Amino acid sequence: MSLSAFFIELLHAGSKVASDNCQYQVLAINWLTDLTVSSGKSMKHQFVILGLLSFWFATSVQAEVYLCIDKAGHREYTNVDNKKGCKRVALPGVTMIPAPKGTAQAVSTRPADFPRVTDEAQKRRDDERKQILLDEMNKEQKKLSDLRAEYKGGEPERRGDERNYAKYQERTATLKEDVERSEKNVAALKRELDNLK
């Protein structure tokens, strides 16, 4: 199937869903498409015309909505008027509201009675935070030194319950992961402390 034939099929399919007030546009599009395809114009020319016609068609199609109320009072919205008691619903168009002109003023989102922190209270909070980070740093550095002492550069001492070499290797791998994790924790705590200064 050629591209032109594809567009023709697409337009014919579109005409099936078009509302009654758009039928003349569908017929015009089909006629112009046939004329364009059969006239021997270049493919580029055909694409431009078909694109413009397709855009014209797509922007002009509007769906109709019907409100159907049955005997029990149930409401049903549909796009097909095939039942008794259905009425066409007028839908409002899209409303565009332009932005106000002029310079935008910065609007404070903080209420006027929102509690404010004094400089003294903030300094006290910062000092407490720094002390907590220092305590955490000391604990993590002690943990790291203990792990490094046990790990011994990848050759920890074998325990009595590690007669199986695979069990020893598993503990060595776990110790290595623990050392790496602890080193990352120390580095993160140092960054946090540097950010406070």
Protein backbone atom coordinates (compact mmCIF):
# COMPACT_ATOMS: atom_id res chain seq x y z
CA MET A 1 0.00 0.00 0.00
CA SER A 2 1.46 3.35 -0.97
CA LEU A 3 1.64 6.19 1.49
CA SER A 4 -0.96 8.13 -0.46
CA ALA A 5 -3.33 5.18 -0.31
CA PHE A 6 -2.67 4.97 3.42
CA PHE A 7 -3.70 8.60 3.86
CA ILE A 8 -6.82 8.01 1.80
CA GLU A 9 -7.76 5.03 3.99
CA LEU A 10 -7.04 7.10 7.08
CA LEU A 11 -9.32 9.86 5.86
CA HIS A 12 -12.05 7.40 4.96
CA ALA A 13 -11.84 5.91 8.46
CA GLY A 14 -11.99 9.40 9.92
CA SER A 15 -15.10 10.17 7.93
CA LYS A 16 -16.94 7.35 9.68
CA VAL A 17 -16.55 9.04 13.06
CA ALA A 18 -17.05 12.58 11.86
CA SER A 19 -20.18 14.35 12.93
CA ASP A 20 -22.87 15.32 10.39
CA ASN A 21 -21.73 18.93 10.16
CA CYS A 22 -18.25 17.77 9.06
CA GLN A 23 -19.33 15.50 6.20
CA TYR A 24 -18.72 18.17 3.57
CA GLN A 25 -15.14 18.54 4.82
CA VAL A 26 -14.57 14.81 4.56
CA LEU A 27 -15.88 14.79 1.00
CA ALA A 28 -13.67 17.75 0.11
CA ILE A 29 -10.64 16.06 1.61
CA ASN A 30 -11.33 12.83 -0.27
CA TRP A 31 -11.82 14.71 -3.56
CA LEU A 32 -8.64 16.77 -3.10
CA THR A 33 -6.67 13.69 -2.08
CA ASP A 34 -7.77 11.80 -5.18
CA LEU A 35 -6.97 14.83 -7.31
CA THR A 36 -3.52 15.19 -5.73
CA VAL A 37 -2.64 11.53 -6.07
CA SER A 38 -3.84 11.21 -9.66
CA SER A 39 -2.34 14.50 -10.87
CA GLY A 40 1.23 13.17 -10.84
CA LYS A 41 2.59 15.78 -8.43
CA SER A 42 5.80 15.03 -6.56
CA MET A 43 5.60 13.02 -3.34
CA LYS A 44 6.76 16.04 -1.34
CA HIS A 45 3.93 18.12 -2.78
CA GLN A 46 1.44 15.35 -2.03
CA PHE A 47 2.63 15.06 1.56
CA VAL A 48 2.27 18.80 2.14
CA ILE A 49 -1.26 18.88 0.77
CA LEU A 50 -2.29 15.72 2.60
CA GLY A 51 -0.78 17.01 5.85
CA LEU A 52 -2.64 20.30 5.60
CA LEU A 53 -5.89 18.56 4.73
CA SER A 54 -5.48 16.10 7.60
CA PHE A 55 -4.82 18.97 10.02
CA TRP A 56 -7.90 20.80 8.72
CA PHE A 57 -9.98 17.69 9.17
CA ALA A 58 -8.66 16.87 12.66
CA THR A 59 -9.26 20.35 14.02
CA SER A 60 -12.80 20.48 12.73
CA VAL A 61 -14.14 17.20 14.13
CA GLN A 62 -16.06 17.60 17.36
CA ALA A 63 -17.57 14.74 19.31
CA GLU A 64 -21.19 14.97 20.26
CA VAL A 65 -22.19 13.88 23.75
CA TYR A 66 -25.66 12.68 24.66
CA LEU A 67 -27.23 12.34 28.10
CA CYS A 68 -29.60 9.37 28.32
CA ILE A 69 -31.89 8.92 31.33
CA ASP A 70 -33.72 5.60 31.64
CA LYS A 71 -37.02 4.92 33.41
CA ALA A 72 -35.24 4.18 36.71
CA GLY A 73 -33.56 7.60 36.58
CA HIS A 74 -30.04 6.33 35.86
CA ARG A 75 -27.92 8.77 33.86
CA GLU A 76 -25.66 7.58 31.05
CA TYR A 77 -23.39 9.73 28.91
CA THR A 78 -22.70 8.40 25.43
CA ASN A 79 -21.56 9.52 22.00
CA VAL A 80 -24.33 7.59 20.22
CA ASP A 81 -27.95 8.76 20.07
CA ASN A 82 -29.58 5.35 19.72
CA LYS A 83 -31.94 5.29 22.69
CA LYS A 84 -35.14 7.08 23.56
CA GLY A 85 -34.82 9.86 26.08
CA CYS A 86 -31.36 10.96 24.97
CA LYS A 87 -30.60 14.65 24.69
CA ARG A 88 -27.54 16.27 23.19
CA VAL A 89 -25.38 18.01 25.79
CA ALA A 90 -23.74 21.29 24.86
CA LEU A 91 -20.16 21.17 26.09
CA PRO A 92 -18.34 24.41 26.74
CA GLY A 93 -15.20 25.08 24.75
CA VAL A 94 -11.76 25.42 26.23
CA THR A 95 -11.25 28.76 27.90
CA MET A 96 -7.79 30.27 27.88
CA ILE A 97 -7.02 32.80 30.60
CA PRO A 98 -3.95 34.91 29.91
CA ALA A 99 -1.43 35.52 32.64
CA PRO A 100 -1.64 38.93 34.30
CA LYS A 101 0.67 41.51 32.81
CA GLY A 102 3.34 43.26 34.79
CA THR A 103 6.08 42.05 37.06
CA ALA A 104 5.47 39.10 39.29
CA GLN A 105 5.67 39.90 42.97
CA ALA A 106 7.21 37.33 45.27
CA VAL A 107 4.47 36.02 47.50
CA SER A 108 5.40 34.86 50.97
CA THR A 109 3.88 31.50 51.79
CA ARG A 110 4.66 31.91 55.48
CA PRO A 111 1.79 33.19 57.60
CA ALA A 112 2.42 36.36 59.57
CA ASP A 113 1.97 34.57 62.91
CA PHE A 114 4.37 31.75 61.97
CA PRO A 115 6.89 31.19 64.79
CA ARG A 116 10.38 32.47 64.05
CA VAL A 117 13.59 31.02 65.46
CA THR A 118 15.95 33.43 67.15
CA ASP A 119 19.62 33.48 66.21
CA GLU A 120 20.57 32.23 69.67
CA ALA A 121 18.18 29.25 69.44
CA GLN A 122 19.45 28.40 65.96
CA LYS A 123 23.09 28.53 67.14
CA ARG A 124 22.22 26.22 70.03
CA ARG A 125 20.53 23.78 67.63
CA ASP A 126 23.54 23.87 65.30
CA ASP A 127 25.91 23.19 68.21
CA GLU A 128 23.77 20.24 69.34
CA ARG A 129 23.74 18.85 65.82
CA LYS A 130 27.51 19.22 65.56
CA GLN A 131 28.00 17.42 68.88
CA ILE A 132 25.74 14.56 67.77
CA LEU A 133 27.71 14.23 64.53
CA LEU A 134 31.02 14.28 66.43
CA ASP A 135 29.78 11.53 68.77
CA GLU A 136 28.64 9.45 65.80
CA MET A 137 32.01 10.04 64.10
CA ASN A 138 33.91 8.84 67.19
CA LYS A 139 31.75 5.68 67.43
CA GLU A 140 32.14 4.93 63.73
CA GLN A 141 35.92 5.48 63.79
CA LYS A 142 36.25 3.11 66.78
CA LYS A 143 34.12 0.55 64.97
CA LEU A 144 36.28 0.95 61.85
CA SER A 145 39.52 0.47 63.77
CA ASP A 146 38.12 -2.68 65.45
CA LEU A 147 36.98 -4.08 62.10
CA ARG A 148 40.36 -3.36 60.50
CA ALA A 149 42.14 -5.06 63.41
CA GLU A 150 39.97 -8.16 62.99
CA TYR A 151 40.20 -8.12 59.18
CA LYS A 152 44.04 -7.84 59.19
CA GLY A 153 44.32 -6.81 55.54
CA GLY A 154 42.27 -9.73 54.25
CA GLU A 155 43.81 -12.47 56.42
CA PRO A 156 41.87 -12.62 59.70
CA GLU A 157 42.72 -15.28 62.26
CA ARG A 158 40.79 -18.51 61.91
CA ARG A 159 38.35 -19.37 64.64
CA GLY A 160 37.93 -22.78 66.12
CA ASP A 161 34.53 -23.23 64.46
CA GLU A 162 35.98 -22.48 61.00
CA ARG A 163 37.50 -25.85 60.14
CA ASN A 164 35.83 -25.57 56.76
CA TYR A 165 37.76 -23.16 54.50
CA ALA A 166 34.55 -21.96 52.77
CA LYS A 167 33.22 -20.77 56.13
CA TYR A 168 36.44 -18.84 56.71
CA GLN A 169 36.20 -17.22 53.26
CA GLU A 170 32.59 -16.25 53.92
CA ARG A 171 33.55 -14.52 57.19
CA THR A 172 36.47 -12.78 55.46
CA ALA A 173 34.16 -11.45 52.71
CA THR A 174 31.68 -10.23 55.34
CA LEU A 175 34.46 -8.47 57.24
CA LYS A 176 35.65 -6.80 54.05
CA GLU A 177 32.11 -5.50 53.34
CA ASP A 178 31.81 -4.26 56.92
CA VAL A 179 35.13 -2.39 56.66
CA GLU A 180 34.10 -0.75 53.36
CA ARG A 181 30.69 0.23 54.76
CA SER A 182 32.27 1.72 57.87
CA GLU A 183 34.77 3.70 55.75
CA LYS A 184 31.87 5.13 53.73
CA ASN A 185 30.05 6.06 56.94
CA VAL A 186 33.11 7.89 58.27
CA ALA A 187 33.48 9.78 54.96
CA ALA A 188 29.78 10.77 55.02
CA LEU A 189 30.03 12.01 58.60
CA LYS A 190 33.10 14.06 57.69
CA ARG A 191 31.18 15.67 54.82
CA GLU A 192 28.30 16.52 57.17
CA LEU A 193 30.68 18.10 59.65
CA ASP A 194 32.39 20.09 56.91
CA ASN A 195 29.00 21.42 55.79
CA LEU A 196 28.37 22.80 59.29
CA LYS A 197 31.51 24.94 59.31
